[in-house]
PDB file of all heavy atoms in Angstrom:
ATOM      1  N   PHE A   1     -24.233  61.187 -32.628  1.00  0.00           N
ATOM      2  CA  PHE A   1     -22.978  60.458 -32.476  1.00  0.00           C
ATOM      3  C   PHE A   1     -22.008  61.328 -31.679  1.00  0.00           C
ATOM      4  O   PHE A   1     -21.865  62.522 -31.953  1.00  0.00           O
ATOM      5  CB  PHE A   1     -22.357  60.138 -33.840  1.00  0.00           C
ATOM      6  CG  PHE A   1     -23.081  59.064 -34.611  1.00  0.00           C
ATOM      7  CD1 PHE A   1     -24.126  59.394 -35.462  1.00  0.00           C
ATOM      8  CD2 PHE A   1     -22.726  57.731 -34.476  1.00  0.00           C
ATOM      9  CE1 PHE A   1     -24.802  58.419 -36.177  1.00  0.00           C
ATOM     10  CE2 PHE A   1     -23.393  56.746 -35.181  1.00  0.00           C
ATOM     11  CZ  PHE A   1     -24.432  57.080 -36.037  1.00  0.00           C
ATOM     12  N   SER A   2     -21.337  60.722 -30.711  1.00  0.00           N
ATOM     13  CA  SER A   2     -20.393  61.468 -29.876  1.00  0.00           C
ATOM     14  C   SER A   2     -19.249  60.553 -29.469  1.00  0.00           C
ATOM     15  O   SER A   2     -19.306  59.332 -29.641  1.00  0.00           O
ATOM     16  CB  SER A   2     -21.102  62.031 -28.639  1.00  0.00           C
ATOM     17  OG  SER A   2     -21.695  60.977 -27.882  1.00  0.00           O
ATOM     18  N   ILE A   3     -18.215  61.171 -28.937  1.00  0.00           N
ATOM     19  CA  ILE A   3     -17.052  60.453 -28.401  1.00  0.00           C
ATOM     20  C   ILE A   3     -16.921  60.806 -26.937  1.00  0.00           C
ATOM     21  O   ILE A   3     -17.078  61.971 -26.552  1.00  0.00           O
ATOM     22  CB  ILE A   3     -15.763  60.861 -29.142  1.00  0.00           C
ATOM     23  CG1 ILE A   3     -15.830  60.457 -30.613  1.00  0.00           C
ATOM     24  CG2 ILE A   3     -14.521  60.257 -28.473  1.00  0.00           C
ATOM     25  CD1 ILE A   3     -14.741  61.088 -31.463  1.00  0.00           C
ATOM     26  N   ASP A   4     -16.662  59.819 -26.112  1.00  0.00           N
ATOM     27  CA  ASP A   4     -16.317  60.139 -24.733  1.00  0.00           C
ATOM     28  C   ASP A   4     -15.183  59.235 -24.263  1.00  0.00           C
ATOM     29  O   ASP A   4     -14.956  58.159 -24.801  1.00  0.00           O
ATOM     30  CB  ASP A   4     -17.532  60.070 -23.799  1.00  0.00           C
ATOM     31  CG  ASP A   4     -18.139  58.690 -23.674  1.00  0.00           C
ATOM     32  OD1 ASP A   4     -17.441  57.758 -23.250  1.00  0.00           O
ATOM     33  OD2 ASP A   4     -19.342  58.537 -23.980  1.00  0.00           O
ATOM     34  N   PHE A   5     -14.464  59.733 -23.287  1.00  0.00           N
ATOM     35  CA  PHE A   5     -13.400  58.966 -22.654  1.00  0.00           C
ATOM     36  C   PHE A   5     -13.186  59.540 -21.262  1.00  0.00           C
ATOM     37  O   PHE A   5     -13.769  60.570 -20.902  1.00  0.00           O
ATOM     38  CB  PHE A   5     -12.108  59.005 -23.485  1.00  0.00           C
ATOM     39  CG  PHE A   5     -11.576  60.385 -23.739  1.00  0.00           C
ATOM     40  CD1 PHE A   5     -10.648  60.961 -22.893  1.00  0.00           C
ATOM     41  CD2 PHE A   5     -11.991  61.108 -24.850  1.00  0.00           C
ATOM     42  CE1 PHE A   5     -10.155  62.240 -23.131  1.00  0.00           C
ATOM     43  CE2 PHE A   5     -11.498  62.378 -25.108  1.00  0.00           C
ATOM     44  CZ  PHE A   5     -10.585  62.942 -24.249  1.00  0.00           C
ATOM     45  N   ARG A   6     -12.378  58.863 -20.465  1.00  0.00           N
ATOM     46  CA  ARG A   6     -12.141  59.281 -19.091  1.00  0.00           C
ATOM     47  C   ARG A   6     -10.647  59.365 -18.835  1.00  0.00           C
ATOM     48  O   ARG A   6      -9.862  58.631 -19.441  1.00  0.00           O
ATOM     49  CB  ARG A   6     -12.748  58.289 -18.099  1.00  0.00           C
ATOM     50  CG  ARG A   6     -14.276  58.273 -18.065  1.00  0.00           C
ATOM     51  CD  ARG A   6     -14.832  57.187 -18.956  1.00  0.00           C
ATOM     52  NE  ARG A   6     -16.270  57.044 -18.797  1.00  0.00           N
ATOM     53  CZ  ARG A   6     -17.177  57.689 -19.504  1.00  0.00           C
ATOM     54  NH1 ARG A   6     -16.801  58.542 -20.432  1.00  0.00           N
ATOM     55  NH2 ARG A   6     -18.470  57.494 -19.297  1.00  0.00           N
ATOM     56  N   THR A   7     -10.278  60.221 -17.899  1.00  0.00           N
ATOM     57  CA  THR A   7      -8.886  60.322 -17.481  1.00  0.00           C
ATOM     58  C   THR A   7      -8.809  60.359 -15.960  1.00  0.00           C
ATOM     59  O   THR A   7      -9.773  60.721 -15.275  1.00  0.00           O
ATOM     60  CB  THR A   7      -8.196  61.584 -18.036  1.00  0.00           C
ATOM     61  OG1 THR A   7      -8.893  62.748 -17.584  1.00  0.00           O
ATOM     62  CG2 THR A   7      -8.146  61.566 -19.553  1.00  0.00           C
ATOM     63  N   VAL A   8      -7.647  59.970 -15.464  1.00  0.00           N
ATOM     64  CA  VAL A   8      -7.319  60.178 -14.051  1.00  0.00           C
ATOM     65  C   VAL A   8      -5.873  60.623 -13.979  1.00  0.00           C
ATOM     66  O   VAL A   8      -5.051  60.266 -14.824  1.00  0.00           O
ATOM     67  CB  VAL A   8      -7.505  58.911 -13.189  1.00  0.00           C
ATOM     68  CG1 VAL A   8      -8.968  58.518 -13.087  1.00  0.00           C
ATOM     69  CG2 VAL A   8      -6.668  57.757 -13.711  1.00  0.00           C
ATOM     70  N   ASN A   9      -5.568  61.410 -12.982  1.00  0.00           N
ATOM     71  CA  ASN A   9      -4.194  61.769 -12.661  1.00  0.00           C
ATOM     72  C   ASN A   9      -3.752  60.843 -11.537  1.00  0.00           C
ATOM     73  O   ASN A   9      -4.386  60.787 -10.484  1.00  0.00           O
ATOM     74  CB  ASN A   9      -4.110  63.233 -12.236  1.00  0.00           C
ATOM     75  CG  ASN A   9      -2.695  63.648 -11.887  1.00  0.00           C
ATOM     76  OD1 ASN A   9      -2.202  63.306 -10.823  1.00  0.00           O
ATOM     77  ND2 ASN A   9      -2.049  64.378 -12.780  1.00  0.00           N
ATOM     78  N   VAL A  10      -2.675  60.096 -11.754  1.00  0.00           N
ATOM     79  CA  VAL A  10      -2.294  59.071 -10.796  1.00  0.00           C
ATOM     80  C   VAL A  10      -1.953  59.660  -9.433  1.00  0.00           C
ATOM     81  O   VAL A  10      -2.198  59.033  -8.382  1.00  0.00           O
ATOM     82  CB  VAL A  10      -1.126  58.216 -11.345  1.00  0.00           C
ATOM     83  CG1 VAL A  10       0.152  59.032 -11.457  1.00  0.00           C
ATOM     84  CG2 VAL A  10      -0.917  56.969 -10.496  1.00  0.00           C
ATOM     85  N   ASP A  11      -1.414  60.874  -9.399  1.00  0.00           N
ATOM     86  CA  ASP A  11      -1.112  61.493  -8.108  1.00  0.00           C
ATOM     87  C   ASP A  11      -2.389  61.778  -7.333  1.00  0.00           C
ATOM     88  O   ASP A  11      -2.435  61.622  -6.102  1.00  0.00           O
ATOM     89  CB  ASP A  11      -0.315  62.781  -8.310  1.00  0.00           C
ATOM     90  CG  ASP A  11       1.047  62.522  -8.941  1.00  0.00           C
ATOM     91  OD1 ASP A  11       1.655  61.473  -8.623  1.00  0.00           O
ATOM     92  OD2 ASP A  11       1.487  63.347  -9.748  1.00  0.00           O
ATOM     93  N   ASP A  12      -3.446  62.197  -8.033  1.00  0.00           N
ATOM     94  CA  ASP A  12      -4.730  62.432  -7.378  1.00  0.00           C
ATOM     95  C   ASP A  12      -5.316  61.127  -6.856  1.00  0.00           C
ATOM     96  O   ASP A  12      -5.900  61.079  -5.766  1.00  0.00           O
ATOM     97  CB  ASP A  12      -5.721  63.083  -8.351  1.00  0.00           C
ATOM     98  CG  ASP A  12      -5.367  64.521  -8.676  1.00  0.00           C
ATOM     99  OD1 ASP A  12      -4.416  65.049  -8.083  1.00  0.00           O
ATOM    100  OD2 ASP A  12      -6.046  65.110  -9.532  1.00  0.00           O
ATOM    101  N   VAL A  13      -5.184  60.052  -7.649  1.00  0.00           N
ATOM    102  CA  VAL A  13      -5.707  58.749  -7.217  1.00  0.00           C
ATOM    103  C   VAL A  13      -5.030  58.311  -5.930  1.00  0.00           C
ATOM    104  O   VAL A  13      -5.675  57.891  -4.969  1.00  0.00           O
ATOM    105  CB  VAL A  13      -5.502  57.699  -8.330  1.00  0.00           C
ATOM    106  CG1 VAL A  13      -5.884  56.305  -7.828  1.00  0.00           C
ATOM    107  CG2 VAL A  13      -6.336  58.048  -9.562  1.00  0.00           C
ATOM    108  N   ILE A  14      -3.714  58.416  -5.888  1.00  0.00           N
ATOM    109  CA  ILE A  14      -2.957  57.970  -4.710  1.00  0.00           C
ATOM    110  C   ILE A  14      -3.263  58.831  -3.494  1.00  0.00           C
ATOM    111  O   ILE A  14      -3.449  58.323  -2.377  1.00  0.00           O
ATOM    112  CB  ILE A  14      -1.447  57.992  -5.025  1.00  0.00           C
ATOM    113  CG1 ILE A  14      -1.121  56.940  -6.088  1.00  0.00           C
ATOM    114  CG2 ILE A  14      -0.623  57.746  -3.758  1.00  0.00           C
ATOM    115  CD1 ILE A  14       0.292  57.029  -6.641  1.00  0.00           C
ATOM    116  N   ALA A  15      -3.347  60.139  -3.696  1.00  0.00           N
ATOM    117  CA  ALA A  15      -3.555  61.069  -2.574  1.00  0.00           C
ATOM    118  C   ALA A  15      -5.029  61.216  -2.200  1.00  0.00           C
ATOM    119  O   ALA A  15      -5.352  61.912  -1.247  1.00  0.00           O
ATOM    120  CB  ALA A  15      -2.982  62.438  -2.929  1.00  0.00           C
ATOM    121  N   ARG A  16      -5.919  60.554  -2.947  1.00  0.00           N
ATOM    122  CA  ARG A  16      -7.360  60.690  -2.728  1.00  0.00           C
ATOM    123  C   ARG A  16      -7.802  62.155  -2.859  1.00  0.00           C
ATOM    124  O   ARG A  16      -8.599  62.664  -2.069  1.00  0.00           O
ATOM    125  CB  ARG A  16      -7.773  60.116  -1.376  1.00  0.00           C
ATOM    126  CG  ARG A  16      -7.751  58.594  -1.345  1.00  0.00           C
ATOM    127  CD  ARG A  16      -8.890  58.056  -2.180  1.00  0.00           C
ATOM    128  NE  ARG A  16      -8.870  56.601  -2.270  1.00  0.00           N
ATOM    129  CZ  ARG A  16      -9.961  55.828  -2.297  1.00  0.00           C
ATOM    130  NH1 ARG A  16     -11.151  56.395  -2.246  1.00  0.00           N
ATOM    131  NH2 ARG A  16      -9.857  54.526  -2.412  1.00  0.00           N
ATOM    132  N   ARG A  17      -7.244  62.818  -3.839  1.00  0.00           N
ATOM    133  CA  ARG A  17      -7.689  64.159  -4.201  1.00  0.00           C
ATOM    134  C   ARG A  17      -8.794  63.967  -5.228  1.00  0.00           C
ATOM    135  O   ARG A  17      -8.542  63.616  -6.381  1.00  0.00           O
ATOM    136  CB  ARG A  17      -6.505  64.932  -4.788  1.00  0.00           C
ATOM    137  CG  ARG A  17      -6.745  66.393  -5.075  1.00  0.00           C
ATOM    138  CD  ARG A  17      -5.412  67.080  -5.350  1.00  0.00           C
ATOM    139  NE  ARG A  17      -5.624  68.463  -5.777  1.00  0.00           N
ATOM    140  CZ  ARG A  17      -5.538  68.876  -7.052  1.00  0.00           C
ATOM    141  NH1 ARG A  17      -5.247  68.003  -8.007  1.00  0.00           N
ATOM    142  NH2 ARG A  17      -5.743  70.129  -7.356  1.00  0.00           N
ATOM    143  N   GLU A  18     -10.039  64.195  -4.817  1.00  0.00           N
ATOM    144  CA  GLU A  18     -11.157  63.682  -5.593  1.00  0.00           C
ATOM    145  C   GLU A  18     -12.461  64.380  -5.235  1.00  0.00           C
ATOM    146  O   GLU A  18     -12.516  65.209  -4.315  1.00  0.00           O
ATOM    147  CB  GLU A  18     -11.304  62.185  -5.326  1.00  0.00           C
ATOM    148  CG  GLU A  18     -11.507  61.875  -3.854  1.00  0.00           C
ATOM    149  CD  GLU A  18     -11.350  60.405  -3.489  1.00  0.00           C
ATOM    150  OE1 GLU A  18     -10.762  59.626  -4.285  1.00  0.00           O
ATOM    151  OE2 GLU A  18     -11.818  60.023  -2.397  1.00  0.00           O
ATOM    152  N   ALA A  19     -13.503  64.044  -5.952  1.00  0.00           N
ATOM    153  CA  ALA A  19     -14.840  64.540  -5.643  1.00  0.00           C
ATOM    154  C   ALA A  19     -15.389  63.832  -4.406  1.00  0.00           C
ATOM    155  O   ALA A  19     -14.940  62.731  -4.068  1.00  0.00           O
ATOM    156  CB  ALA A  19     -15.762  64.295  -6.841  1.00  0.00           C
ATOM    157  N   PRO A  20     -16.362  64.443  -3.734  1.00  0.00           N
ATOM    158  CA  PRO A  20     -16.919  63.805  -2.536  1.00  0.00           C
ATOM    159  C   PRO A  20     -17.804  62.618  -2.900  1.00  0.00           C
ATOM    160  O   PRO A  20     -18.539  62.649  -3.889  1.00  0.00           O
ATOM    161  CB  PRO A  20     -17.750  64.930  -1.904  1.00  0.00           C
ATOM    162  CG  PRO A  20     -18.124  65.811  -3.049  1.00  0.00           C
ATOM    163  CD  PRO A  20     -16.954  65.771  -4.000  1.00  0.00           C
ATOM    164  N   ASN A  21     -17.706  61.571  -2.106  1.00  0.00           N
ATOM    165  CA  ASN A  21     -18.580  60.414  -2.307  1.00  0.00           C
ATOM    166  C   ASN A  21     -19.811  60.578  -1.421  1.00  0.00           C
ATOM    167  O   ASN A  21     -19.727  60.483  -0.202  1.00  0.00           O
ATOM    168  CB  ASN A  21     -17.848  59.122  -1.950  1.00  0.00           C
ATOM    169  CG  ASN A  21     -18.685  57.885  -2.241  1.00  0.00           C
ATOM    170  OD1 ASN A  21     -19.821  57.986  -2.707  1.00  0.00           O
ATOM    171  ND2 ASN A  21     -18.119  56.720  -1.977  1.00  0.00           N
ATOM    172  N   VAL A  22     -20.946  60.822  -2.047  1.00  0.00           N
ATOM    173  CA  VAL A  22     -22.166  61.024  -1.261  1.00  0.00           C
ATOM    174  C   VAL A  22     -23.085  59.807  -1.287  1.00  0.00           C
ATOM    175  O   VAL A  22     -23.955  59.683  -0.425  1.00  0.00           O
ATOM    176  CB  VAL A  22     -22.947  62.266  -1.749  1.00  0.00           C
ATOM    177  CG1 VAL A  22     -22.174  63.529  -1.462  1.00  0.00           C
ATOM    178  CG2 VAL A  22     -23.299  62.164  -3.217  1.00  0.00           C
ATOM    179  N   ASP A  23     -22.887  58.874  -2.259  1.00  0.00           N
ATOM    180  CA  ASP A  23     -23.858  57.777  -2.324  1.00  0.00           C
ATOM    181  C   ASP A  23     -23.380  56.550  -3.100  1.00  0.00           C
ATOM    182  O   ASP A  23     -24.182  55.667  -3.409  1.00  0.00           O
ATOM    183  CB  ASP A  23     -25.173  58.267  -2.945  1.00  0.00           C
ATOM    184  CG  ASP A  23     -25.012  58.841  -4.351  1.00  0.00           C
ATOM    185  OD1 ASP A  23     -23.967  58.596  -4.970  1.00  0.00           O
ATOM    186  OD2 ASP A  23     -25.925  59.534  -4.820  1.00  0.00           O
ATOM    187  N   SER A  24     -22.096  56.439  -3.420  1.00  0.00           N
ATOM    188  CA  SER A  24     -21.611  55.293  -4.187  1.00  0.00           C
ATOM    189  C   SER A  24     -21.126  54.198  -3.245  1.00  0.00           C
ATOM    190  O   SER A  24     -20.350  54.467  -2.332  1.00  0.00           O
ATOM    191  CB  SER A  24     -20.483  55.707  -5.126  1.00  0.00           C
ATOM    192  OG  SER A  24     -20.950  56.639  -6.076  1.00  0.00           O
ATOM    193  N   ALA A  25     -21.570  52.952  -3.505  1.00  0.00           N
ATOM    194  CA  ALA A  25     -21.220  51.840  -2.622  1.00  0.00           C
ATOM    195  C   ALA A  25     -20.829  50.597  -3.408  1.00  0.00           C
ATOM    196  O   ALA A  25     -20.961  49.486  -2.924  1.00  0.00           O
ATOM    197  CB  ALA A  25     -22.397  51.539  -1.690  1.00  0.00           C
ATOM    198  N   CYS A  26     -20.340  50.765  -4.639  1.00  0.00           N
ATOM    199  CA  CYS A  26     -19.993  49.638  -5.496  1.00  0.00           C
ATOM    200  C   CYS A  26     -18.670  49.010  -5.055  1.00  0.00           C
ATOM    201  O   CYS A  26     -17.953  49.544  -4.209  1.00  0.00           O
ATOM    202  CB  CYS A  26     -19.900  50.110  -6.941  1.00  0.00           C
ATOM    203  SG  CYS A  26     -18.934  51.616  -7.132  1.00  0.00           S
ATOM    204  N   THR A  27     -18.345  47.867  -5.654  1.00  0.00           N
ATOM    205  CA  THR A  27     -17.081  47.201  -5.378  1.00  0.00           C
ATOM    206  C   THR A  27     -16.315  47.013  -6.679  1.00  0.00           C
ATOM    207  O   THR A  27     -16.864  47.110  -7.769  1.00  0.00           O
ATOM    208  CB  THR A  27     -17.293  45.842  -4.689  1.00  0.00           C
ATOM    209  OG1 THR A  27     -18.182  45.055  -5.482  1.00  0.00           O
ATOM    210  CG2 THR A  27     -17.880  46.032  -3.307  1.00  0.00           C
ATOM    211  N   GLY A  28     -15.020  46.696  -6.540  1.00  0.00           N
ATOM    212  CA  GLY A  28     -14.164  46.633  -7.707  1.00  0.00           C
ATOM    213  C   GLY A  28     -13.728  48.022  -8.118  1.00  0.00           C
ATOM    214  O   GLY A  28     -14.119  49.026  -7.516  1.00  0.00           O
ATOM    215  N   THR A  29     -12.902  48.095  -9.145  1.00  0.00           N
ATOM    216  CA  THR A  29     -12.433  49.383  -9.636  1.00  0.00           C
ATOM    217  C   THR A  29     -12.136  49.291 -11.125  1.00  0.00           C
ATOM    218  O   THR A  29     -11.704  48.245 -11.622  1.00  0.00           O
ATOM    219  CB  THR A  29     -11.168  49.851  -8.894  1.00  0.00           C
ATOM    220  OG1 THR A  29     -10.743  51.108  -9.420  1.00  0.00           O
ATOM    221  CG2 THR A  29     -10.040  48.856  -9.002  1.00  0.00           C
ATOM    222  N   THR A  30     -12.364  50.388 -11.829  1.00  0.00           N
ATOM    223  CA  THR A  30     -12.049  50.461 -13.261  1.00  0.00           C
ATOM    224  C   THR A  30     -10.601  50.887 -13.507  1.00  0.00           C
ATOM    225  O   THR A  30     -10.191  51.006 -14.663  1.00  0.00           O
ATOM    226  CB  THR A  30     -12.978  51.472 -13.958  1.00  0.00           C
ATOM    227  OG1 THR A  30     -12.753  52.782 -13.399  1.00  0.00           O
ATOM    228  CG2 THR A  30     -14.441  51.094 -13.795  1.00  0.00           C
ATOM    229  N   LEU A  31      -9.826  51.112 -12.467  1.00  0.00           N
ATOM    230  CA  LEU A  31      -8.502  51.703 -12.635  1.00  0.00           C
ATOM    231  C   LEU A  31      -7.580  50.876 -13.537  1.00  0.00           C
ATOM    232  O   LEU A  31      -6.709  51.434 -14.210  1.00  0.00           O
ATOM    233  CB  LEU A  31      -7.842  51.914 -11.282  1.00  0.00           C
ATOM    234  CG  LEU A  31      -8.295  53.168 -10.505  1.00  0.00           C
ATOM    235  CD1 LEU A  31      -7.727  53.168  -9.099  1.00  0.00           C
ATOM    236  CD2 LEU A  31      -7.867  54.434 -11.254  1.00  0.00           C
ATOM    237  N   ARG A  32      -7.764  49.570 -13.571  1.00  0.00           N
ATOM    238  CA  ARG A  32      -6.899  48.745 -14.417  1.00  0.00           C
ATOM    239  C   ARG A  32      -7.158  48.973 -15.908  1.00  0.00           C
ATOM    240  O   ARG A  32      -6.386  48.515 -16.756  1.00  0.00           O
ATOM    241  CB  ARG A  32      -7.067  47.274 -14.067  1.00  0.00           C
ATOM    242  CG  ARG A  32      -6.527  46.907 -12.692  1.00  0.00           C
ATOM    243  CD  ARG A  32      -6.646  45.415 -12.418  1.00  0.00           C
ATOM    244  NE  ARG A  32      -6.181  45.077 -11.085  1.00  0.00           N
ATOM    245  CZ  ARG A  32      -6.922  45.174  -9.982  1.00  0.00           C
ATOM    246  NH1 ARG A  32      -8.176  45.607 -10.077  1.00  0.00           N
ATOM    247  NH2 ARG A  32      -6.436  44.848  -8.801  1.00  0.00           N
ATOM    248  N   ASP A  33      -8.254  49.643 -16.241  1.00  0.00           N
ATOM    249  CA  ASP A  33      -8.553  49.943 -17.644  1.00  0.00           C
ATOM    250  C   ASP A  33      -7.766  51.143 -18.164  1.00  0.00           C
ATOM    251  O   ASP A  33      -7.740  51.380 -19.377  1.00  0.00           O
ATOM    252  CB  ASP A  33     -10.048  50.244 -17.822  1.00  0.00           C
ATOM    253  CG  ASP A  33     -10.927  49.041 -17.534  1.00  0.00           C
ATOM    254  OD1 ASP A  33     -10.400  47.908 -17.511  1.00  0.00           O
ATOM    255  OD2 ASP A  33     -12.136  49.230 -17.329  1.00  0.00           O
ATOM    256  N   PHE A  34      -7.148  51.897 -17.268  1.00  0.00           N
ATOM    257  CA  PHE A  34      -6.526  53.161 -17.658  1.00  0.00           C
ATOM    258  C   PHE A  34      -5.086  52.951 -18.132  1.00  0.00           C
ATOM    259  O   PHE A  34      -4.333  52.170 -17.549  1.00  0.00           O
ATOM    260  CB  PHE A  34      -6.556  54.147 -16.495  1.00  0.00           C
ATOM    261  CG  PHE A  34      -7.925  54.722 -16.234  1.00  0.00           C
ATOM    262  CD1 PHE A  34      -8.863  54.025 -15.499  1.00  0.00           C
ATOM    263  CD2 PHE A  34      -8.270  55.958 -16.749  1.00  0.00           C
ATOM    264  CE1 PHE A  34     -10.123  54.549 -15.269  1.00  0.00           C
ATOM    265  CE2 PHE A  34      -9.530  56.499 -16.521  1.00  0.00           C
ATOM    266  CZ  PHE A  34     -10.458  55.792 -15.783  1.00  0.00           C
ATOM    267  N   LEU A  35      -4.728  53.684 -19.196  1.00  0.00           N
ATOM    268  CA  LEU A  35      -3.411  53.590 -19.811  1.00  0.00           C
ATOM    269  C   LEU A  35      -2.673  54.923 -19.680  1.00  0.00           C
ATOM    270  O   LEU A  35      -3.275  55.985 -19.827  1.00  0.00           O
ATOM    271  CB  LEU A  35      -3.551  53.255 -21.299  1.00  0.00           C
ATOM    272  CG  LEU A  35      -4.412  52.047 -21.658  1.00  0.00           C
ATOM    273  CD1 LEU A  35      -4.574  51.953 -23.165  1.00  0.00           C
ATOM    274  CD2 LEU A  35      -3.811  50.769 -21.092  1.00  0.00           C
ATOM    275  N   ARG A  36      -1.385  54.865 -19.421  1.00  0.00           N
ATOM    276  CA  ARG A  36      -0.592  56.087 -19.300  1.00  0.00           C
ATOM    277  C   ARG A  36      -0.456  56.758 -20.662  1.00  0.00           C
ATOM    278  O   ARG A  36      -0.191  56.102 -21.673  1.00  0.00           O
ATOM    279  CB  ARG A  36       0.778  55.771 -18.712  1.00  0.00           C
ATOM    280  CG  ARG A  36       1.616  56.998 -18.366  1.00  0.00           C
ATOM    281  CD  ARG A  36       2.732  56.647 -17.393  1.00  0.00           C
ATOM    282  NE  ARG A  36       3.555  55.548 -17.880  1.00  0.00           N
ATOM    283  CZ  ARG A  36       4.379  54.844 -17.102  1.00  0.00           C
ATOM    284  NH1 ARG A  36       4.478  55.120 -15.813  1.00  0.00           N
ATOM    285  NH2 ARG A  36       5.103  53.851 -17.623  1.00  0.00           N
ATOM    286  N   VAL A  37      -0.638  58.061 -20.690  1.00  0.00           N
ATOM    287  CA  VAL A  37      -0.612  58.797 -21.952  1.00  0.00           C
ATOM    288  C   VAL A  37       0.740  58.649 -22.648  1.00  0.00           C
ATOM    289  O   VAL A  37       0.807  58.491 -23.869  1.00  0.00           O
ATOM    290  CB  VAL A  37      -0.939  60.289 -21.702  1.00  0.00           C
ATOM    291  CG1 VAL A  37      -0.683  61.126 -22.951  1.00  0.00           C
ATOM    292  CG2 VAL A  37      -2.391  60.454 -21.246  1.00  0.00           C
ATOM    293  N   SER A  38       1.823  58.662 -21.894  1.00  0.00           N
ATOM    294  CA  SER A  38       3.160  58.681 -22.492  1.00  0.00           C
ATOM    295  C   SER A  38       3.499  57.407 -23.241  1.00  0.00           C
ATOM    296  O   SER A  38       4.133  57.446 -24.299  1.00  0.00           O
ATOM    297  CB  SER A  38       4.218  58.954 -21.423  1.00  0.00           C
ATOM    298  OG  SER A  38       4.187  57.947 -20.426  1.00  0.00           O
ATOM    299  N   ASP A  39       3.082  56.235 -22.716  1.00  0.00           N
ATOM    300  CA  ASP A  39       3.532  54.969 -23.305  1.00  0.00           C
ATOM    301  C   ASP A  39       2.475  53.876 -23.301  1.00  0.00           C
ATOM    302  O   ASP A  39       2.762  52.729 -23.649  1.00  0.00           O
ATOM    303  CB  ASP A  39       4.786  54.473 -22.581  1.00  0.00           C
ATOM    304  CG  ASP A  39       4.576  54.339 -21.068  1.00  0.00           C
ATOM    305  OD1 ASP A  39       3.418  54.436 -20.601  1.00  0.00           O
ATOM    306  OD2 ASP A  39       5.582  54.158 -20.357  1.00  0.00           O
ATOM    307  N   GLN A  40       1.261  54.186 -22.859  1.00  0.00           N
ATOM    308  CA  GLN A  40       0.142  53.251 -22.818  1.00  0.00           C
ATOM    309  C   GLN A  40       0.359  52.082 -21.860  1.00  0.00           C
ATOM    310  O   GLN A  40      -0.269  51.023 -21.984  1.00  0.00           O
ATOM    311  CB  GLN A  40      -0.227  52.746 -24.211  1.00  0.00           C
ATOM    312  CG  GLN A  40      -0.704  53.864 -25.131  1.00  0.00           C
ATOM    313  CD  GLN A  40      -1.241  53.369 -26.456  1.00  0.00           C
ATOM    314  OE1 GLN A  40      -1.750  52.259 -26.560  1.00  0.00           O
ATOM    315  NE2 GLN A  40      -1.141  54.198 -27.483  1.00  0.00           N
ATOM    316  N   GLU A  41       1.237  52.277 -20.888  1.00  0.00           N
ATOM    317  CA  GLU A  41       1.373  51.293 -19.808  1.00  0.00           C
ATOM    318  C   GLU A  41       0.143  51.377 -18.910  1.00  0.00           C
ATOM    319  O   GLU A  41      -0.408  52.455 -18.700  1.00  0.00           O
ATOM    320  CB  GLU A  41       2.643  51.545 -19.000  1.00  0.00           C
ATOM    321  CG  GLU A  41       3.922  51.144 -19.709  1.00  0.00           C
ATOM    322  CD  GLU A  41       4.013  49.647 -19.921  1.00  0.00           C
ATOM    323  OE1 GLU A  41       3.753  48.880 -18.974  1.00  0.00           O
ATOM    324  OE2 GLU A  41       4.337  49.240 -21.058  1.00  0.00           O
ATOM    325  N   ARG A  42      -0.253  50.237 -18.350  1.00  0.00           N
ATOM    326  CA  ARG A  42      -1.443  50.216 -17.505  1.00  0.00           C
ATOM    327  C   ARG A  42      -1.165  50.811 -16.122  1.00  0.00           C
ATOM    328  O   ARG A  42      -0.009  50.929 -15.693  1.00  0.00           O
ATOM    329  CB  ARG A  42      -1.987  48.798 -17.359  1.00  0.00           C
ATOM    330  CG  ARG A  42      -2.581  48.262 -18.658  1.00  0.00           C
ATOM    331  CD  ARG A  42      -3.529  47.124 -18.442  1.00  0.00           C
ATOM    332  NE  ARG A  42      -4.159  46.739 -19.705  1.00  0.00           N
ATOM    333  CZ  ARG A  42      -5.275  47.275 -20.182  1.00  0.00           C
ATOM    334  NH1 ARG A  42      -5.908  48.209 -19.494  1.00  0.00           N
ATOM    335  NH2 ARG A  42      -5.781  46.867 -21.333  1.00  0.00           N
ATOM    336  N   MET A  43      -2.241  51.176 -15.444  1.00  0.00           N
ATOM    337  CA  MET A  43      -2.138  51.697 -14.089  1.00  0.00           C
ATOM    338  C   MET A  43      -1.373  50.698 -13.221  1.00  0.00           C
ATOM    339  O   MET A  43      -1.632  49.486 -13.289  1.00  0.00           O
ATOM    340  CB  MET A  43      -3.546  51.909 -13.522  1.00  0.00           C
ATOM    341  CG  MET A  43      -3.606  52.474 -12.121  1.00  0.00           C
ATOM    342  SD  MET A  43      -3.046  54.188 -11.993  1.00  0.00           S
ATOM    343  CE  MET A  43      -4.285  55.051 -12.986  1.00  0.00           C
TER     344      MET A  43
END
């Protein structure tokens, strides 16, 4: 049994400060699932 979750820093998302994309070609985005730590407002 384990717990996992994901985070993003919104400044990194906007500035495209990120890992290199070597082979991903999907569509859509999970970004709308993310909630701000301070108040749980959505992206």
